[in-house]
Amino acid sequence: FRSKQWYQRRVAITAGNKRMNIQWHSFYHFYLLALLICSCLGIWSDGIAYCFHLFHIATLFDLLGRVIRGATTHADQLLVCVPFAAIIAYIYAIIYFGAFRKMFDNTKMEYCDTLGRCLVTVLKNSLRPSAGGHNYSWKDRKTFDDLWMRLLIDASFWILFTVIGLNVVTSLILDGFRQLKAERERALKDMTTLCTICGLSKDSLTTRGVSWSNHVEREHNIWSYVTFFYYLQEHDGRFSAVENEVLKKFQKADPSFLPAGRCISIDTKIDLEKK
């Protein structure tokens, strides 16, 4: 069942015999809007923006979809890391610009004549693989003080930004994959050991002498419930009193109409034991 808020955000527009449902419950609509924007941009960019539509391939394969979900599980924490990393890079860009800009070699695409160019150079070189932070050429070194000061700044930036920062991002992404895997394994286990309708476990039913296969295939067949809910949503005629009550609770995301912890076999055995 979807949340109560989802139903509250659902707008039903009735026009004659046609009904259109506008749903504002997921980012999928924003994704479609992004595809539309890329289509419009492709008209003015000689078709270059059309290449972004290749990302739509990921929606056609469940495996690629799980990869994207795993990488974006901690998207909120990753977004917090972005401004923090930008602050660190900006601080070091100021240090480089104020004290070491003459050591940058423009012939090797190391520009630090302005603060903005220095920031771009710092970001570019911070993402390059290095051996201890030495990603810059050292031009115009005059004294030993220039050497150890520059080495201290380079090494500290490499430790903070490259070693710690990038490893934090990597660990968050890997933790997202582990969390997604654990949720998938738990869901698969619940599908094979718990009844979706009543919540009774396979062991509990077996202990009470109820066949698990008969229970999930006959008594509480999930597809029978899905068909019933679909009928309630699409039927335009009159409903019985029971159907009316179930529909009201279903629209409010109230699962109290489901037989939680109960089934016909167990109720029948309890009645026979009382008699």
C-alpha atoms as a PDB file:
ATOM      1  CA  PHE A   1       0.000   0.000   0.000  1.00  0.00           C
ATOM      2  CA  ARG A   2       1.077   3.524  -0.700  1.00  0.00           C
ATOM      3  CA  SER A   3       1.308   6.067   2.060  1.00  0.00           C
ATOM      4  CA  LYS A   4      -1.552   8.290   3.118  1.00  0.00           C
ATOM      5  CA  GLN A   5       0.335  11.335   1.875  1.00  0.00           C
ATOM      6  CA  TRP A   6       0.517   9.787  -1.578  1.00  0.00           C
ATOM      7  CA  TYR A   7      -3.232   9.562  -1.761  1.00  0.00           C
ATOM      8  CA  GLN A   8      -3.564  13.108  -0.499  1.00  0.00           C
ATOM      9  CA  ARG A   9      -1.313  14.324  -3.345  1.00  0.00           C
ATOM     10  CA  ARG A  10      -3.312  12.437  -5.903  1.00  0.00           C
ATOM     11  CA  VAL A  11      -5.676  14.674  -7.889  1.00  0.00           C
ATOM     12  CA  ALA A  12      -8.597  13.070  -9.679  1.00  0.00           C
ATOM     13  CA  ILE A  13     -10.142  15.035 -12.558  1.00  0.00           C
ATOM     14  CA  THR A  14     -13.401  13.704 -13.906  1.00  0.00           C
ATOM     15  CA  ALA A  15     -14.594  14.861 -17.320  1.00  0.00           C
ATOM     16  CA  GLY A  16     -17.605  12.959 -18.631  1.00  0.00           C
ATOM     17  CA  ASN A  17     -16.725   9.286 -18.816  1.00  0.00           C
ATOM     18  CA  LYS A  18     -12.976   9.971 -18.866  1.00  0.00           C
ATOM     19  CA  ARG A  19     -10.891  10.163 -15.718  1.00  0.00           C
ATOM     20  CA  MET A  20      -7.328  11.423 -15.594  1.00  0.00           C
ATOM     21  CA  ASN A  21      -5.130  10.906 -12.536  1.00  0.00           C
ATOM     22  CA  ILE A  22      -2.324  13.391 -11.938  1.00  0.00           C
ATOM     23  CA  GLN A  23       0.232  11.891  -9.564  1.00  0.00           C
ATOM     24  CA  TRP A  24       2.933  13.894  -7.823  1.00  0.00           C
ATOM     25  CA  HIS A  25       4.466  11.070  -5.829  1.00  0.00           C
ATOM     26  CA  SER A  26       7.884  10.368  -7.378  1.00  0.00           C
ATOM     27  CA  PHE A  27      10.847  11.934  -9.136  1.00  0.00           C
ATOM     28  CA  TYR A  28      10.001   9.991 -12.288  1.00  0.00           C
ATOM     29  CA  HIS A  29       8.012  12.968 -13.558  1.00  0.00           C
ATOM     30  CA  PHE A  30      11.022  15.241 -13.044  1.00  0.00           C
ATOM     31  CA  TYR A  31      13.082  12.689 -14.962  1.00  0.00           C
ATOM     32  CA  LEU A  32      10.618  12.856 -17.851  1.00  0.00           C
ATOM     33  CA  LEU A  33      10.729  16.648 -17.666  1.00  0.00           C
ATOM     34  CA  ALA A  34      14.538  16.505 -17.899  1.00  0.00           C
ATOM     35  CA  LEU A  35      14.243  14.336 -21.032  1.00  0.00           C
ATOM     36  CA  LEU A  36      11.846  16.883 -22.521  1.00  0.00           C
ATOM     37  CA  ILE A  37      14.266  19.729 -21.755  1.00  0.00           C
ATOM     38  CA  CYS A  38      17.123  17.778 -23.388  1.00  0.00           C
ATOM     39  CA  SER A  39      14.943  17.249 -26.437  1.00  0.00           C
ATOM     40  CA  CYS A  40      14.334  20.990 -26.689  1.00  0.00           C
ATOM     41  CA  LEU A  41      18.016  21.785 -26.137  1.00  0.00           C
ATOM     42  CA  GLY A  42      18.941  19.304 -28.850  1.00  0.00           C
ATOM     43  CA  ILE A  43      17.205  21.520 -31.405  1.00  0.00           C
ATOM     44  CA  TRP A  44      19.557  24.427 -30.624  1.00  0.00           C
ATOM     45  CA  SER A  45      22.688  22.365 -29.948  1.00  0.00           C
ATOM     46  CA  ASP A  46      22.906  20.489 -33.258  1.00  0.00           C
ATOM     47  CA  GLY A  47      21.626  17.323 -31.556  1.00  0.00           C
ATOM     48  CA  ILE A  48      24.368  17.162 -28.902  1.00  0.00           C
ATOM     49  CA  ALA A  49      21.847  17.214 -26.021  1.00  0.00           C
ATOM     50  CA  TYR A  50      20.135  14.135 -27.437  1.00  0.00           C
ATOM     51  CA  CYS A  51      22.952  11.967 -26.077  1.00  0.00           C
ATOM     52  CA  PHE A  52      21.519  12.358 -22.556  1.00  0.00           C
ATOM     53  CA  HIS A  53      18.554  10.240 -23.644  1.00  0.00           C
ATOM     54  CA  LEU A  54      20.867   7.230 -23.536  1.00  0.00           C
ATOM     55  CA  PHE A  55      20.379   7.259 -19.754  1.00  0.00           C
ATOM     56  CA  HIS A  56      16.861   6.017 -20.454  1.00  0.00           C
ATOM     57  CA  ILE A  57      18.391   2.613 -21.194  1.00  0.00           C
ATOM     58  CA  ALA A  58      18.907   2.212 -17.430  1.00  0.00           C
ATOM     59  CA  THR A  59      15.131   2.266 -16.901  1.00  0.00           C
ATOM     60  CA  LEU A  60      14.703  -0.726 -19.197  1.00  0.00           C
ATOM     61  CA  PHE A  61      16.934  -3.069 -17.195  1.00  0.00           C
ATOM     62  CA  ASP A  62      16.318  -3.958 -13.561  1.00  0.00           C
ATOM     63  CA  LEU A  63      20.035  -4.519 -12.896  1.00  0.00           C
ATOM     64  CA  LEU A  64      21.006  -1.023 -14.076  1.00  0.00           C
ATOM     65  CA  GLY A  65      18.127   0.394 -12.088  1.00  0.00           C
ATOM     66  CA  ARG A  66      19.419  -1.287  -8.921  1.00  0.00           C
ATOM     67  CA  VAL A  67      22.892   0.107  -9.600  1.00  0.00           C
ATOM     68  CA  ILE A  68      21.497   3.632  -9.826  1.00  0.00           C
ATOM     69  CA  ARG A  69      19.389   3.144  -6.682  1.00  0.00           C
ATOM     70  CA  GLY A  70      22.408   1.824  -4.809  1.00  0.00           C
ATOM     71  CA  ALA A  71      24.582   4.764  -5.852  1.00  0.00           C
ATOM     72  CA  THR A  72      21.907   7.286  -4.856  1.00  0.00           C
ATOM     73  CA  THR A  73      20.753   5.685  -1.589  1.00  0.00           C
ATOM     74  CA  HIS A  74      22.731   8.245   0.430  1.00  0.00           C
ATOM     75  CA  ALA A  75      22.190  11.066  -2.055  1.00  0.00           C
ATOM     76  CA  ASP A  76      21.351  13.539   0.727  1.00  0.00           C
ATOM     77  CA  GLN A  77      24.653  12.846   2.500  1.00  0.00           C
ATOM     78  CA  LEU A  78      26.571  13.020  -0.766  1.00  0.00           C
ATOM     79  CA  LEU A  79      25.019  16.400  -1.524  1.00  0.00           C
ATOM     80  CA  VAL A  80      26.195  17.647   1.874  1.00  0.00           C
ATOM     81  CA  CYS A  81      29.756  16.630   0.971  1.00  0.00           C
ATOM     82  CA  VAL A  82      29.729  18.757  -2.199  1.00  0.00           C
ATOM     83  CA  PRO A  83      29.685  22.228  -0.553  1.00  0.00           C
ATOM     84  CA  PHE A  84      32.141  21.043   2.106  1.00  0.00           C
ATOM     85  CA  ALA A  85      34.567  19.889  -0.600  1.00  0.00           C
ATOM     86  CA  ALA A  86      34.050  23.180  -2.456  1.00  0.00           C
ATOM     87  CA  ILE A  87      34.920  25.103   0.723  1.00  0.00           C
ATOM     88  CA  ILE A  88      38.146  23.125   1.187  1.00  0.00           C
ATOM     89  CA  ALA A  89      39.120  23.659  -2.456  1.00  0.00           C
ATOM     90  CA  TYR A  90      38.356  27.385  -2.195  1.00  0.00           C
ATOM     91  CA  ILE A  91      40.474  27.772   0.956  1.00  0.00           C
ATOM     92  CA  TYR A  92      43.451  26.098  -0.711  1.00  0.00           C
ATOM     93  CA  ALA A  93      42.901  28.115  -3.899  1.00  0.00           C
ATOM     94  CA  ILE A  94      43.241  31.288  -1.804  1.00  0.00           C
ATOM     95  CA  ILE A  95      46.432  29.933  -0.201  1.00  0.00           C
ATOM     96  CA  TYR A  96      47.925  28.997  -3.580  1.00  0.00           C
ATOM     97  CA  PHE A  97      46.896  32.310  -5.115  1.00  0.00           C
ATOM     98  CA  GLY A  98      48.281  34.366  -2.232  1.00  0.00           C
ATOM     99  CA  ALA A  99      51.590  32.587  -1.671  1.00  0.00           C
ATOM    100  CA  PHE A 100      52.463  30.248  -4.539  1.00  0.00           C
ATOM    101  CA  ARG A 101      50.911  31.563  -7.751  1.00  0.00           C
ATOM    102  CA  LYS A 102      54.323  32.265  -9.284  1.00  0.00           C
ATOM    103  CA  MET A 103      55.201  28.570  -9.004  1.00  0.00           C
ATOM    104  CA  PHE A 104      52.381  27.471 -11.367  1.00  0.00           C
ATOM    105  CA  ASP A 105      53.508  26.686 -14.892  1.00  0.00           C
ATOM    106  CA  ASN A 106      51.067  28.003 -17.505  1.00  0.00           C
ATOM    107  CA  THR A 107      52.741  25.907 -20.204  1.00  0.00           C
ATOM    108  CA  LYS A 108      51.434  22.803 -18.371  1.00  0.00           C
ATOM    109  CA  MET A 109      47.880  24.165 -18.040  1.00  0.00           C
ATOM    110  CA  GLU A 110      48.414  25.300 -14.459  1.00  0.00           C
ATOM    111  CA  TYR A 111      46.823  28.726 -14.219  1.00  0.00           C
ATOM    112  CA  CYS A 112      46.798  30.779 -11.033  1.00  0.00           C
ATOM    113  CA  ASP A 113      46.960  34.378 -12.239  1.00  0.00           C
ATOM    114  CA  THR A 114      43.426  34.952 -10.873  1.00  0.00           C
ATOM    115  CA  LEU A 115      41.597  33.391  -7.950  1.00  0.00           C
ATOM    116  CA  GLY A 116      38.977  31.826 -10.219  1.00  0.00           C
ATOM    117  CA  ARG A 117      41.591  30.187 -12.461  1.00  0.00           C
ATOM    118  CA  CYS A 118      43.496  29.043  -9.413  1.00  0.00           C
ATOM    119  CA  LEU A 119      40.342  27.350  -8.050  1.00  0.00           C
ATOM    120  CA  VAL A 120      39.778  25.543 -11.354  1.00  0.00           C
ATOM    121  CA  THR A 121      43.405  24.387 -11.384  1.00  0.00           C
ATOM    122  CA  VAL A 122      43.134  23.121  -7.805  1.00  0.00           C
ATOM    123  CA  LEU A 123      39.973  21.146  -8.582  1.00  0.00           C
ATOM    124  CA  LYS A 124      41.492  19.709 -11.769  1.00  0.00           C
ATOM    125  CA  ASN A 125      44.663  18.523 -10.093  1.00  0.00           C
ATOM    126  CA  SER A 126      42.921  17.253  -6.961  1.00  0.00           C
ATOM    127  CA  LEU A 127      41.141  14.567  -8.976  1.00  0.00           C
ATOM    128  CA  ARG A 128      44.306  13.316 -10.664  1.00  0.00           C
ATOM    129  CA  PRO A 129      46.114  10.265  -9.245  1.00  0.00           C
ATOM    130  CA  SER A 130      49.283  11.270  -7.430  1.00  0.00           C
ATOM    131  CA  ALA A 131      51.978   9.932  -5.149  1.00  0.00           C
ATOM    132  CA  GLY A 132      51.576  11.967  -1.990  1.00  0.00           C
ATOM    133  CA  GLY A 133      49.962  15.100  -3.382  1.00  0.00           C
ATOM    134  CA  HIS A 134      52.627  16.188  -5.899  1.00  0.00           C
ATOM    135  CA  ASN A 135      50.342  17.079  -8.818  1.00  0.00           C
ATOM    136  CA  TYR A 136      51.872  20.455  -9.656  1.00  0.00           C
ATOM    137  CA  SER A 137      55.092  21.474 -11.321  1.00  0.00           C
ATOM    138  CA  TRP A 138      57.231  23.667  -9.060  1.00  0.00           C
ATOM    139  CA  LYS A 139      58.505  26.588 -11.053  1.00  0.00           C
ATOM    140  CA  ASP A 140      60.717  29.408  -9.726  1.00  0.00           C
ATOM    141  CA  ARG A 141      61.787  27.704  -6.477  1.00  0.00           C
ATOM    142  CA  LYS A 142      64.382  29.925  -4.865  1.00  0.00           C
ATOM    143  CA  THR A 143      64.906  28.756  -1.270  1.00  0.00           C
ATOM    144  CA  PHE A 144      64.391  25.674   0.849  1.00  0.00           C
ATOM    145  CA  ASP A 145      61.544  27.475   2.642  1.00  0.00           C
ATOM    146  CA  ASP A 146      59.645  27.536  -0.641  1.00  0.00           C
ATOM    147  CA  LEU A 147      60.128  23.787  -0.910  1.00  0.00           C
ATOM    148  CA  TRP A 148      58.869  22.673   2.494  1.00  0.00           C
ATOM    149  CA  MET A 149      56.020  25.196   2.624  1.00  0.00           C
ATOM    150  CA  ARG A 150      54.770  24.116  -0.791  1.00  0.00           C
ATOM    151  CA  LEU A 151      55.198  20.457   0.167  1.00  0.00           C
ATOM    152  CA  LEU A 152      53.252  20.989   3.403  1.00  0.00           C
ATOM    153  CA  ILE A 153      50.349  22.671   1.601  1.00  0.00           C
ATOM    154  CA  ASP A 154      50.250  20.080  -1.199  1.00  0.00           C
ATOM    155  CA  ALA A 155      50.397  17.112   1.181  1.00  0.00           C
ATOM    156  CA  SER A 156      47.705  18.478   3.522  1.00  0.00           C
ATOM    157  CA  PHE A 157      45.379  19.173   0.597  1.00  0.00           C
ATOM    158  CA  TRP A 158      45.997  15.699  -0.804  1.00  0.00           C
ATOM    159  CA  ILE A 159      45.176  14.109   2.573  1.00  0.00           C
ATOM    160  CA  LEU A 160      42.028  16.178   3.204  1.00  0.00           C
ATOM    161  CA  PHE A 161      40.549  16.259  -0.276  1.00  0.00           C
ATOM    162  CA  THR A 162      41.835  13.219  -2.143  1.00  0.00           C
ATOM    163  CA  VAL A 163      42.409  10.613   0.582  1.00  0.00           C
ATOM    164  CA  ILE A 164      39.735  11.452   3.149  1.00  0.00           C
ATOM    165  CA  GLY A 165      37.159  13.240   0.977  1.00  0.00           C
ATOM    166  CA  LEU A 166      37.027  10.841  -1.950  1.00  0.00           C
ATOM    167  CA  ASN A 167      37.152   7.811   0.355  1.00  0.00           C
ATOM    168  CA  VAL A 168      34.176   9.176   2.304  1.00  0.00           C
ATOM    169  CA  VAL A 169      32.218   9.491  -0.947  1.00  0.00           C
ATOM    170  CA  THR A 170      33.257   5.977  -1.983  1.00  0.00           C
ATOM    171  CA  SER A 171      32.270   4.520   1.395  1.00  0.00           C
ATOM    172  CA  LEU A 172      28.832   6.177   1.206  1.00  0.00           C
ATOM    173  CA  ILE A 173      28.220   4.701  -2.252  1.00  0.00           C
ATOM    174  CA  LEU A 174      29.391   1.237  -1.169  1.00  0.00           C
ATOM    175  CA  ASP A 175      27.235   1.448   1.963  1.00  0.00           C
ATOM    176  CA  GLY A 176      24.285   2.247  -0.272  1.00  0.00           C
ATOM    177  CA  PHE A 177      24.904  -0.922  -2.286  1.00  0.00           C
ATOM    178  CA  ARG A 178      25.200  -2.973   0.920  1.00  0.00           C
ATOM    179  CA  GLN A 179      21.970  -1.497   2.254  1.00  0.00           C
ATOM    180  CA  LEU A 180      20.166  -2.165  -1.020  1.00  0.00           C
ATOM    181  CA  LYS A 181      21.420  -5.757  -1.023  1.00  0.00           C
ATOM    182  CA  ALA A 182      20.297  -6.297   2.573  1.00  0.00           C
ATOM    183  CA  GLU A 183      16.842  -4.881   1.801  1.00  0.00           C
ATOM    184  CA  ARG A 184      16.534  -7.095  -1.265  1.00  0.00           C
ATOM    185  CA  GLU A 185      17.563 -10.216   0.673  1.00  0.00           C
ATOM    186  CA  ARG A 186      15.133  -9.341   3.479  1.00  0.00           C
ATOM    187  CA  ALA A 187      12.332  -8.784   0.951  1.00  0.00           C
ATOM    188  CA  LEU A 188      13.049 -12.116  -0.767  1.00  0.00           C
ATOM    189  CA  LYS A 189      13.062 -13.856   2.601  1.00  0.00           C
ATOM    190  CA  ASP A 190       9.756 -12.251   3.579  1.00  0.00           C
ATOM    191  CA  MET A 191       8.229 -13.268   0.250  1.00  0.00           C
ATOM    192  CA  THR A 192       9.053 -16.920   0.888  1.00  0.00           C
ATOM    193  CA  THR A 193       8.444 -17.113   4.660  1.00  0.00           C
ATOM    194  CA  LEU A 194       5.742 -14.493   5.423  1.00  0.00           C
ATOM    195  CA  CYS A 195       2.207 -14.202   4.105  1.00  0.00           C
ATOM    196  CA  THR A 196       1.791 -10.791   2.466  1.00  0.00           C
ATOM    197  CA  ILE A 197      -1.872 -10.562   3.488  1.00  0.00           C
ATOM    198  CA  CYS A 198      -2.050 -11.747   7.099  1.00  0.00           C
ATOM    199  CA  GLY A 199       1.618 -11.551   8.092  1.00  0.00           C
ATOM    200  CA  LEU A 200       1.726 -15.068   9.528  1.00  0.00           C
ATOM    201  CA  SER A 201       5.046 -16.855   9.086  1.00  0.00           C
ATOM    202  CA  LYS A 202       5.508 -20.178   7.373  1.00  0.00           C
ATOM    203  CA  ASP A 203       6.720 -21.794  10.610  1.00  0.00           C
ATOM    204  CA  SER A 204       3.703 -20.493  12.531  1.00  0.00           C
ATOM    205  CA  LEU A 205       1.276 -21.924   9.999  1.00  0.00           C
ATOM    206  CA  THR A 206       3.087 -25.247   9.783  1.00  0.00           C
ATOM    207  CA  THR A 207       3.075 -25.561  13.585  1.00  0.00           C
ATOM    208  CA  ARG A 208      -0.700 -25.118  13.606  1.00  0.00           C
ATOM    209  CA  GLY A 209      -1.128 -27.784  10.911  1.00  0.00           C
ATOM    210  CA  VAL A 210      -1.877 -25.395   8.032  1.00  0.00           C
ATOM    211  CA  SER A 211      -0.308 -26.069   4.637  1.00  0.00           C
ATOM    212  CA  TRP A 212       1.845 -23.133   3.535  1.00  0.00           C
ATOM    213  CA  SER A 213       1.288 -23.718  -0.178  1.00  0.00           C
ATOM    214  CA  ASN A 214      -2.481 -24.015   0.276  1.00  0.00           C
ATOM    215  CA  HIS A 215      -2.481 -20.855   2.382  1.00  0.00           C
ATOM    216  CA  VAL A 216      -0.644 -18.599  -0.098  1.00  0.00           C
ATOM    217  CA  GLU A 217      -2.240 -20.098  -3.209  1.00  0.00           C
ATOM    218  CA  ARG A 218      -5.856 -20.418  -2.070  1.00  0.00           C
ATOM    219  CA  GLU A 219      -6.686 -18.645   1.170  1.00  0.00           C
ATOM    220  CA  HIS A 220      -4.527 -15.544   0.810  1.00  0.00           C
ATOM    221  CA  ASN A 221      -3.518 -15.410  -2.833  1.00  0.00           C
ATOM    222  CA  ILE A 222      -1.982 -11.967  -3.290  1.00  0.00           C
ATOM    223  CA  TRP A 223      -3.085 -11.729  -6.935  1.00  0.00           C
ATOM    224  CA  SER A 224      -6.688 -12.257  -5.899  1.00  0.00           C
ATOM    225  CA  TYR A 225      -6.372  -9.225  -3.639  1.00  0.00           C
ATOM    226  CA  VAL A 226      -4.678  -7.200  -6.380  1.00  0.00           C
ATOM    227  CA  THR A 227      -7.499  -8.074  -8.778  1.00  0.00           C
ATOM    228  CA  PHE A 228     -10.058  -7.065  -6.156  1.00  0.00           C
ATOM    229  CA  PHE A 229      -8.371  -3.693  -5.527  1.00  0.00           C
ATOM    230  CA  TYR A 230      -8.188  -3.047  -9.252  1.00  0.00           C
ATOM    231  CA  TYR A 231     -11.890  -3.835  -9.547  1.00  0.00           C
ATOM    232  CA  LEU A 232     -12.692  -1.375  -6.742  1.00  0.00           C
ATOM    233  CA  GLN A 233     -10.743   1.413  -8.416  1.00  0.00           C
ATOM    234  CA  GLU A 234     -12.009   0.902 -11.956  1.00  0.00           C
ATOM    235  CA  HIS A 235     -15.617  -0.171 -11.359  1.00  0.00           C
ATOM    236  CA  ASP A 236     -18.121   2.610 -12.132  1.00  0.00           C
ATOM    237  CA  GLY A 237     -21.274   0.870 -10.933  1.00  0.00           C
ATOM    238  CA  ARG A 238     -22.704   0.384  -7.468  1.00  0.00           C
ATOM    239  CA  PHE A 239     -20.761  -1.278  -4.680  1.00  0.00           C
ATOM    240  CA  SER A 240     -21.986  -3.474  -1.897  1.00  0.00           C
ATOM    241  CA  ALA A 241     -21.671  -2.282   1.703  1.00  0.00           C
ATOM    242  CA  VAL A 242     -18.546  -4.400   2.231  1.00  0.00           C
ATOM    243  CA  GLU A 243     -16.950  -3.200  -0.999  1.00  0.00           C
ATOM    244  CA  ASN A 244     -17.737   0.401  -0.088  1.00  0.00           C
ATOM    245  CA  GLU A 245     -16.069   0.032   3.299  1.00  0.00           C
ATOM    246  CA  VAL A 246     -12.995  -1.647   1.841  1.00  0.00           C
ATOM    247  CA  LEU A 247     -12.668   1.047  -0.849  1.00  0.00           C
ATOM    248  CA  LYS A 248     -12.835   3.845   1.724  1.00  0.00           C
ATOM    249  CA  LYS A 249     -10.119   2.263   3.843  1.00  0.00           C
ATOM    250  CA  PHE A 250      -8.025   1.450   0.789  1.00  0.00           C
ATOM    251  CA  GLN A 251      -8.110   5.086  -0.354  1.00  0.00           C
ATOM    252  CA  LYS A 252      -7.042   6.189   3.131  1.00  0.00           C
ATOM    253  CA  ALA A 253      -4.185   3.638   3.121  1.00  0.00           C
ATOM    254  CA  ASP A 254      -5.827   1.964   6.133  1.00  0.00           C
ATOM    255  CA  PRO A 255      -5.001  -1.780   6.109  1.00  0.00           C
ATOM    256  CA  SER A 256      -7.350  -2.623   8.999  1.00  0.00           C
ATOM    257  CA  PHE A 257      -9.701  -4.482   6.625  1.00  0.00           C
ATOM    258  CA  LEU A 258      -7.018  -7.127   6.015  1.00  0.00           C
ATOM    259  CA  PRO A 259      -7.093 -10.306   8.132  1.00  0.00           C
ATOM    260  CA  ALA A 260      -3.958  -9.512  10.132  1.00  0.00           C
ATOM    261  CA  GLY A 261      -2.773 -12.625  11.970  1.00  0.00           C
ATOM    262  CA  ARG A 262      -5.835 -14.596  10.887  1.00  0.00           C
ATOM    263  CA  CYS A 263      -6.902 -17.058   8.217  1.00  0.00           C
ATOM    264  CA  ILE A 264      -9.875 -19.345   7.580  1.00  0.00           C
ATOM    265  CA  SER A 265      -8.002 -22.542   8.457  1.00  0.00           C
ATOM    266  CA  ILE A 266      -6.852 -21.296  11.863  1.00  0.00           C
ATOM    267  CA  ASP A 267     -10.237 -19.695  12.681  1.00  0.00           C
ATOM    268  CA  THR A 268     -12.010 -22.956  11.745  1.00  0.00           C
ATOM    269  CA  LYS A 269      -9.717 -24.996  13.997  1.00  0.00           C
ATOM    270  CA  ILE A 270     -10.237 -22.587  16.895  1.00  0.00           C
ATOM    271  CA  ASP A 271     -14.039 -22.812  16.492  1.00  0.00           C
ATOM    272  CA  LEU A 272     -13.905 -26.620  16.402  1.00  0.00           C
ATOM    273  CA  GLU A 273     -11.750 -26.729  19.536  1.00  0.00           C
ATOM    274  CA  LYS A 274     -14.222 -24.476  21.392  1.00  0.00           C
ATOM    275  CA  LYS A 275     -17.131 -26.770  20.442  1.00  0.00           C
END
